[in-house]
Every structure is written in structure tokens, then in C-alpha cells.
């Protein structure tokens, strides 16, 4: 896993949106779905688990709402 700073992540997002024509919503959906899939790989039956998701108002908050929806 590569770790990046906030500024580096903003630049990655900007390039994805402007240069690769990927919408911000699509980036959020993909991030949230991947997090959900990772949780499914860790926990055998998520339906039997109680999971709390704390989401703020920024992009990470949007990712959290996508995870909760799945």
C-alpha cells in the first residue's frame, strides 16, 4: 500500500477528474466499494456484524456513506 499526503491525494484526484475525465462521484463510489469489499474479505458474514461508520462532510465522508450503503 502506498501512503500519500493530503496534498498528493488532492493532486491525484484532480488528475483523475481533469485529465482522465473520471467524475468525483465515480471516484467516491469506487473508493467506498473497495473499502466495503475489503471489510467483506476480513469478516466472513457482515450481516451478523454491527459496524459504525463515522463520516464527515468532505470526500472521505462521501466514501463512508458509500460503504454504509453497501
PDB file of N, CA and C in Angstrom:
ATOM      1  N   UNK A   1       0.846  -1.160   0.000  1.00  0.00           N
ATOM      2  CA  UNK A   1       0.000   0.000   0.000  1.00  0.00           C
ATOM      3  C   UNK A   1       0.900   1.235   0.000  1.00  0.00           C
ATOM      4  N   UNK A   2       0.567   2.180  -0.852  1.00  0.00           N
ATOM      5  CA  UNK A   2       1.314   3.429  -0.901  1.00  0.00           C
ATOM      6  C   UNK A   2       0.603   4.467  -0.041  1.00  0.00           C
ATOM      7  N   UNK A   3       1.357   5.173   0.769  1.00  0.00           N
ATOM      8  CA  UNK A   3       0.810   6.223   1.621  1.00  0.00           C
ATOM      9  C   UNK A   3       1.164   7.570   0.993  1.00  0.00           C
ATOM     10  N   UNK A   4       0.173   8.450   0.885  1.00  0.00           N
ATOM     11  CA  UNK A   4       0.397   9.773   0.300  1.00  0.00           C
ATOM     12  C   UNK A   4      -0.097  10.847   1.259  1.00  0.00           C
ATOM     13  N   UNK A   5       0.402  12.051   1.068  1.00  0.00           N
ATOM     14  CA  UNK A   5      -0.040  13.180   1.887  1.00  0.00           C
ATOM     15  C   UNK A   5      -1.385  13.691   1.373  1.00  0.00           C
ATOM     16  N   UNK A   6      -2.019  14.574   2.158  1.00  0.00           N
ATOM     17  CA  UNK A   6      -3.281  15.184   1.720  1.00  0.00           C
ATOM     18  C   UNK A   6      -3.100  15.915   0.397  1.00  0.00           C
ATOM     19  N   UNK A   7      -2.013  16.660   0.288  1.00  0.00           N
ATOM     20  CA  UNK A   7      -1.770  17.428  -0.934  1.00  0.00           C
ATOM     21  C   UNK A   7      -1.558  16.497  -2.133  1.00  0.00           C
ATOM     22  N   UNK A   8      -0.816  15.413  -1.936  1.00  0.00           N
ATOM     23  CA  UNK A   8      -0.610  14.451  -3.022  1.00  0.00           C
ATOM     24  C   UNK A   8      -1.935  13.814  -3.445  1.00  0.00           C
ATOM     25  N   UNK A   9      -2.793  13.505  -2.476  1.00  0.00           N
ATOM     26  CA  UNK A   9      -4.080  12.892  -2.797  1.00  0.00           C
ATOM     27  C   UNK A   9      -4.971  13.862  -3.557  1.00  0.00           C
ATOM     28  N   UNK A  10      -4.944  15.121  -3.168  1.00  0.00           N
ATOM     29  CA  UNK A  10      -5.718  16.127  -3.908  1.00  0.00           C
ATOM     30  C   UNK A  10      -5.254  16.201  -5.361  1.00  0.00           C
ATOM     31  N   UNK A  11      -3.947  16.130  -5.577  1.00  0.00           N
ATOM     32  CA  UNK A  11      -3.404  16.173  -6.934  1.00  0.00           C
ATOM     33  C   UNK A  11      -3.794  14.919  -7.718  1.00  0.00           C
ATOM     34  N   UNK A  12      -3.773  13.768  -7.073  1.00  0.00           N
ATOM     35  CA  UNK A  12      -4.199  12.522  -7.727  1.00  0.00           C
ATOM     36  C   UNK A  12      -5.668  12.623  -8.126  1.00  0.00           C
ATOM     37  N   UNK A  13      -6.500  13.112  -7.219  1.00  0.00           N
ATOM     38  CA  UNK A  13      -7.928  13.296  -7.523  1.00  0.00           C
ATOM     39  C   UNK A  13      -8.118  14.274  -8.678  1.00  0.00           C
ATOM     40  N   UNK A  14      -7.394  15.393  -8.632  1.00  0.00           N
ATOM     41  CA  UNK A  14      -7.519  16.406  -9.679  1.00  0.00           C
ATOM     42  C   UNK A  14      -7.166  15.825 -11.044  1.00  0.00           C
ATOM     43  N   UNK A  15      -6.061  15.077 -11.112  1.00  0.00           N
ATOM     44  CA  UNK A  15      -5.654  14.477 -12.387  1.00  0.00           C
ATOM     45  C   UNK A  15      -6.682  13.465 -12.878  1.00  0.00           C
ATOM     46  N   UNK A  16      -7.207  12.670 -11.964  1.00  0.00           N
ATOM     47  CA  UNK A  16      -8.215  11.674 -12.357  1.00  0.00           C
ATOM     48  C   UNK A  16      -9.445  12.363 -12.932  1.00  0.00           C
ATOM     49  N   UNK A  17      -9.854  13.462 -12.303  1.00  0.00           N
ATOM     50  CA  UNK A  17     -11.054  14.173 -12.741  1.00  0.00           C
ATOM     51  C   UNK A  17     -10.798  14.955 -14.030  1.00  0.00           C
ATOM     52  N   UNK A  18      -9.729  15.733 -14.064  1.00  0.00           N
ATOM     53  CA  UNK A  18      -9.489  16.623 -15.204  1.00  0.00           C
ATOM     54  C   UNK A  18      -8.853  15.921 -16.399  1.00  0.00           C
ATOM     55  N   UNK A  19      -7.836  15.107 -16.147  1.00  0.00           N
ATOM     56  CA  UNK A  19      -7.092  14.510 -17.255  1.00  0.00           C
ATOM     57  C   UNK A  19      -7.700  13.199 -17.740  1.00  0.00           C
ATOM     58  N   UNK A  20      -8.251  12.422 -16.818  1.00  0.00           N
ATOM     59  CA  UNK A  20      -8.813  11.122 -17.201  1.00  0.00           C
ATOM     60  C   UNK A  20     -10.330  11.146 -17.311  1.00  0.00           C
ATOM     61  N   UNK A  21     -10.915  12.316 -17.043  1.00  0.00           N
ATOM     62  CA  UNK A  21     -12.367  12.506 -17.183  1.00  0.00           C
ATOM     63  C   UNK A  21     -13.185  11.538 -16.329  1.00  0.00           C
ATOM     64  N   UNK A  22     -12.694  11.278 -15.118  1.00  0.00           N
ATOM     65  CA  UNK A  22     -13.424  10.444 -14.158  1.00  0.00           C
ATOM     66  C   UNK A  22     -14.135  11.399 -13.201  1.00  0.00           C
ATOM     67  N   UNK A  23     -15.411  11.232 -13.033  1.00  0.00           N
ATOM     68  CA  UNK A  23     -16.155  12.153 -12.164  1.00  0.00           C
ATOM     69  C   UNK A  23     -15.780  11.939 -10.700  1.00  0.00           C
ATOM     70  N   UNK A  24     -15.921  13.005  -9.928  1.00  0.00           N
ATOM     71  CA  UNK A  24     -15.679  12.895  -8.490  1.00  0.00           C
ATOM     72  C   UNK A  24     -16.598  11.870  -7.845  1.00  0.00           C
ATOM     73  N   UNK A  25     -17.836  11.794  -8.333  1.00  0.00           N
ATOM     74  CA  UNK A  25     -18.790  10.812  -7.818  1.00  0.00           C
ATOM     75  C   UNK A  25     -18.313   9.389  -8.103  1.00  0.00           C
ATOM     76  N   UNK A  26     -17.768   9.161  -9.296  1.00  0.00           N
ATOM     77  CA  UNK A  26     -17.252   7.826  -9.636  1.00  0.00           C
ATOM     78  C   UNK A  26     -16.066   7.464  -8.747  1.00  0.00           C
ATOM     79  N   UNK A  27     -15.200   8.436  -8.458  1.00  0.00           N
ATOM     80  CA  UNK A  27     -14.071   8.178  -7.558  1.00  0.00           C
ATOM     81  C   UNK A  27     -14.573   7.773  -6.177  1.00  0.00           C
ATOM     82  N   UNK A  28     -15.591   8.488  -5.688  1.00  0.00           N
ATOM     83  CA  UNK A  28     -16.164   8.189  -4.377  1.00  0.00           C
ATOM     84  C   UNK A  28     -16.799   6.804  -4.348  1.00  0.00           C
ATOM     85  N   UNK A  29     -17.563   6.495  -5.385  1.00  0.00           N
ATOM     86  CA  UNK A  29     -18.217   5.185  -5.468  1.00  0.00           C
ATOM     87  C   UNK A  29     -17.183   4.063  -5.471  1.00  0.00           C
ATOM     88  N   UNK A  30     -16.126   4.232  -6.260  1.00  0.00           N
ATOM     89  CA  UNK A  30     -15.091   3.197  -6.329  1.00  0.00           C
ATOM     90  C   UNK A  30     -14.372   3.034  -5.000  1.00  0.00           C
ATOM     91  N   UNK A  31     -14.036   4.148  -4.350  1.00  0.00           N
ATOM     92  CA  UNK A  31     -13.348   4.075  -3.059  1.00  0.00           C
ATOM     93  C   UNK A  31     -14.223   3.376  -2.019  1.00  0.00           C
ATOM     94  N   UNK A  32     -15.482   3.779  -1.935  1.00  0.00           N
ATOM     95  CA  UNK A  32     -16.391   3.172  -0.962  1.00  0.00           C
ATOM     96  C   UNK A  32     -16.621   1.700  -1.215  1.00  0.00           C
ATOM     97  N   UNK A  33     -16.765   1.336  -2.485  1.00  0.00           N
ATOM     98  CA  UNK A  33     -16.975  -0.071  -2.823  1.00  0.00           C
ATOM     99  C   UNK A  33     -15.759  -0.908  -2.459  1.00  0.00           C
ATOM    100  N   UNK A  34     -14.561  -0.400  -2.728  1.00  0.00           N
ATOM    101  CA  UNK A  34     -13.330  -1.143  -2.387  1.00  0.00           C
ATOM    102  C   UNK A  34     -13.185  -1.313  -0.877  1.00  0.00           C
ATOM    103  N   UNK A  35     -13.547  -0.293  -0.119  1.00  0.00           N
ATOM    104  CA  UNK A  35     -13.494  -0.418   1.340  1.00  0.00           C
ATOM    105  C   UNK A  35     -14.466  -1.500   1.795  1.00  0.00           C
ATOM    106  N   UNK A  36     -15.683  -1.472   1.259  1.00  0.00           N
ATOM    107  CA  UNK A  36     -16.678  -2.484   1.607  1.00  0.00           C
ATOM    108  C   UNK A  36     -16.172  -3.882   1.255  1.00  0.00           C
ATOM    109  N   UNK A  37     -15.588  -4.040   0.071  1.00  0.00           N
ATOM    110  CA  UNK A  37     -15.071  -5.346  -0.340  1.00  0.00           C
ATOM    111  C   UNK A  37     -13.950  -5.808   0.580  1.00  0.00           C
ATOM    112  N   UNK A  38     -13.114  -4.879   1.031  1.00  0.00           N
ATOM    113  CA  UNK A  38     -12.048  -5.230   1.974  1.00  0.00           C
ATOM    114  C   UNK A  38     -12.633  -5.708   3.297  1.00  0.00           C
ATOM    115  N   UNK A  39     -13.682  -5.036   3.768  1.00  0.00           N
ATOM    116  CA  UNK A  39     -14.340  -5.473   5.001  1.00  0.00           C
ATOM    117  C   UNK A  39     -14.925  -6.873   4.845  1.00  0.00           C
ATOM    118  N   UNK A  40     -15.523  -7.143   3.677  1.00  0.00           N
ATOM    119  CA  UNK A  40     -16.084  -8.478   3.428  1.00  0.00           C
ATOM    120  C   UNK A  40     -15.001  -9.548   3.453  1.00  0.00           C
ATOM    121  N   UNK A  41     -13.804  -9.212   2.988  1.00  0.00           N
ATOM    122  CA  UNK A  41     -12.698 -10.173   2.999  1.00  0.00           C
ATOM    123  C   UNK A  41     -12.193 -10.432   4.412  1.00  0.00           C
ATOM    124  N   UNK A  42     -12.293  -9.434   5.276  1.00  0.00           N
ATOM    125  CA  UNK A  42     -11.816  -9.574   6.652  1.00  0.00           C
ATOM    126  C   UNK A  42     -12.841 -10.303   7.517  1.00  0.00           C
ATOM    127  N   UNK A  43     -14.112  -9.933   7.359  1.00  0.00           N
ATOM    128  CA  UNK A  43     -15.179 -10.507   8.177  1.00  0.00           C
ATOM    129  C   UNK A  43     -16.028 -11.435   7.322  1.00  0.00           C
ATOM    130  N   UNK A  44     -16.232 -12.658   7.792  1.00  0.00           N
ATOM    131  CA  UNK A  44     -16.897 -13.671   6.973  1.00  0.00           C
ATOM    132  C   UNK A  44     -18.356 -13.354   6.669  1.00  0.00           C
ATOM    133  N   UNK A  45     -19.101 -12.824   7.613  1.00  0.00           N
ATOM    134  CA  UNK A  45     -20.509 -12.530   7.360  1.00  0.00           C
ATOM    135  C   UNK A  45     -20.862 -11.169   7.951  1.00  0.00           C
ATOM    136  N   UNK A  46     -20.802 -10.152   7.108  1.00  0.00           N
ATOM    137  CA  UNK A  46     -21.063  -8.793   7.588  1.00  0.00           C
ATOM    138  C   UNK A  46     -22.484  -8.604   8.087  1.00  0.00           C
ATOM    139  N   UNK A  47     -23.411  -9.436   7.629  1.00  0.00           N
ATOM    140  CA  UNK A  47     -24.793  -9.288   8.083  1.00  0.00           C
ATOM    141  C   UNK A  47     -24.927  -9.572   9.568  1.00  0.00           C
ATOM    142  N   UNK A  48     -23.980 -10.306  10.132  1.00  0.00           N
ATOM    143  CA  UNK A  48     -24.021 -10.629  11.560  1.00  0.00           C
ATOM    144  C   UNK A  48     -23.208  -9.645  12.397  1.00  0.00           C
ATOM    145  N   UNK A  49     -22.599  -8.658  11.757  1.00  0.00           N
ATOM    146  CA  UNK A  49     -21.749  -7.696  12.453  1.00  0.00           C
ATOM    147  C   UNK A  49     -22.455  -6.351  12.566  1.00  0.00           C
ATOM    148  N   UNK A  50     -22.153  -5.650  13.632  1.00  0.00           N
ATOM    149  CA  UNK A  50     -22.593  -4.267  13.764  1.00  0.00           C
ATOM    150  C   UNK A  50     -21.387  -3.398  13.445  1.00  0.00           C
ATOM    151  N   UNK A  51     -21.555  -2.536  12.468  1.00  0.00           N
ATOM    152  CA  UNK A  51     -20.452  -1.682  12.036  1.00  0.00           C
ATOM    153  C   UNK A  51     -20.897  -0.229  12.129  1.00  0.00           C
ATOM    154  N   UNK A  52     -20.109   0.575  12.819  1.00  0.00           N
ATOM    155  CA  UNK A  52     -20.365   2.007  12.916  1.00  0.00           C
ATOM    156  C   UNK A  52     -19.458   2.727  11.937  1.00  0.00           C
ATOM    157  N   UNK A  53     -20.028   3.621  11.160  1.00  0.00           N
ATOM    158  CA  UNK A  53     -19.245   4.408  10.219  1.00  0.00           C
ATOM    159  C   UNK A  53     -19.444   5.874  10.577  1.00  0.00           C
ATOM    160  N   UNK A  54     -18.360   6.533  10.936  1.00  0.00           N
ATOM    161  CA  UNK A  54     -18.399   7.960  11.241  1.00  0.00           C
ATOM    162  C   UNK A  54     -17.914   8.701  10.008  1.00  0.00           C
ATOM    163  N   UNK A  55     -18.762   9.533   9.444  1.00  0.00           N
ATOM    164  CA  UNK A  55     -18.414  10.248   8.217  1.00  0.00           C
ATOM    165  C   UNK A  55     -18.562  11.740   8.413  1.00  0.00           C
ATOM    166  N   UNK A  56     -17.556  12.458   7.956  1.00  0.00           N
ATOM    167  CA  UNK A  56     -17.607  13.911   7.999  1.00  0.00           C
ATOM    168  C   UNK A  56     -18.261  14.459   6.741  1.00  0.00           C
ATOM    169  N   UNK A  57     -18.020  15.717   6.475  1.00  0.00           N
ATOM    170  CA  UNK A  57     -18.680  16.373   5.347  1.00  0.00           C
ATOM    171  C   UNK A  57     -17.823  16.413   4.086  1.00  0.00           C
ATOM    172  N   UNK A  58     -16.583  15.968   4.150  1.00  0.00           N
ATOM    173  CA  UNK A  58     -15.702  16.029   2.981  1.00  0.00           C
ATOM    174  C   UNK A  58     -15.794  14.790   2.117  1.00  0.00           C
ATOM    175  N   UNK A  59     -14.802  14.651   1.229  1.00  0.00           N
ATOM    176  CA  UNK A  59     -14.787  13.500   0.322  1.00  0.00           C
ATOM    177  C   UNK A  59     -14.700  12.176   1.073  1.00  0.00           C
ATOM    178  N   UNK A  60     -13.912  12.127   2.146  1.00  0.00           N
ATOM    179  CA  UNK A  60     -13.837  10.886   2.918  1.00  0.00           C
ATOM    180  C   UNK A  60     -15.189  10.553   3.529  1.00  0.00           C
ATOM    181  N   UNK A  61     -15.937  11.575   3.890  1.00  0.00           N
ATOM    182  CA  UNK A  61     -17.291  11.359   4.396  1.00  0.00           C
ATOM    183  C   UNK A  61     -18.173  10.727   3.342  1.00  0.00           C
ATOM    184  N   UNK A  62     -18.028  11.181   2.110  1.00  0.00           N
ATOM    185  CA  UNK A  62     -18.780  10.590   0.999  1.00  0.00           C
ATOM    186  C   UNK A  62     -18.423   9.137   0.802  1.00  0.00           C
ATOM    187  N   UNK A  63     -17.131   8.828   0.921  1.00  0.00           N
ATOM    188  CA  UNK A  63     -16.688   7.432   0.819  1.00  0.00           C
ATOM    189  C   UNK A  63     -17.363   6.593   1.900  1.00  0.00           C
ATOM    190  N   UNK A  64     -17.441   7.144   3.114  1.00  0.00           N
ATOM    191  CA  UNK A  64     -18.072   6.431   4.223  1.00  0.00           C
ATOM    192  C   UNK A  64     -19.543   6.149   3.972  1.00  0.00           C
ATOM    193  N   UNK A  65     -20.242   7.100   3.373  1.00  0.00           N
ATOM    194  CA  UNK A  65     -21.657   6.880   3.057  1.00  0.00           C
ATOM    195  C   UNK A  65     -21.825   5.780   2.014  1.00  0.00           C
ATOM    196  N   UNK A  66     -20.899   5.702   1.067  1.00  0.00           N
ATOM    197  CA  UNK A  66     -20.954   4.624   0.067  1.00  0.00           C
ATOM    198  C   UNK A  66     -20.750   3.278   0.754  1.00  0.00           C
ATOM    199  N   UNK A  67     -19.784   3.199   1.670  1.00  0.00           N
ATOM    200  CA  UNK A  67     -19.550   1.950   2.414  1.00  0.00           C
ATOM    201  C   UNK A  67     -20.822   1.553   3.151  1.00  0.00           C
ATOM    202  N   UNK A  68     -21.439   2.502   3.839  1.00  0.00           N
ATOM    203  CA  UNK A  68     -22.657   2.209   4.608  1.00  0.00           C
ATOM    204  C   UNK A  68     -23.781   1.721   3.702  1.00  0.00           C
ATOM    205  N   UNK A  69     -23.891   2.275   2.525  1.00  0.00           N
ATOM    206  CA  UNK A  69     -24.958   1.888   1.601  1.00  0.00           C
ATOM    207  C   UNK A  69     -24.800   0.445   1.124  1.00  0.00           C
ATOM    208  N   UNK A  70     -23.562   0.002   0.980  1.00  0.00           N
ATOM    209  CA  UNK A  70     -23.335  -1.371   0.521  1.00  0.00           C
ATOM    210  C   UNK A  70     -23.539  -2.345   1.660  1.00  0.00           C
TER     211      UNK A  70
END
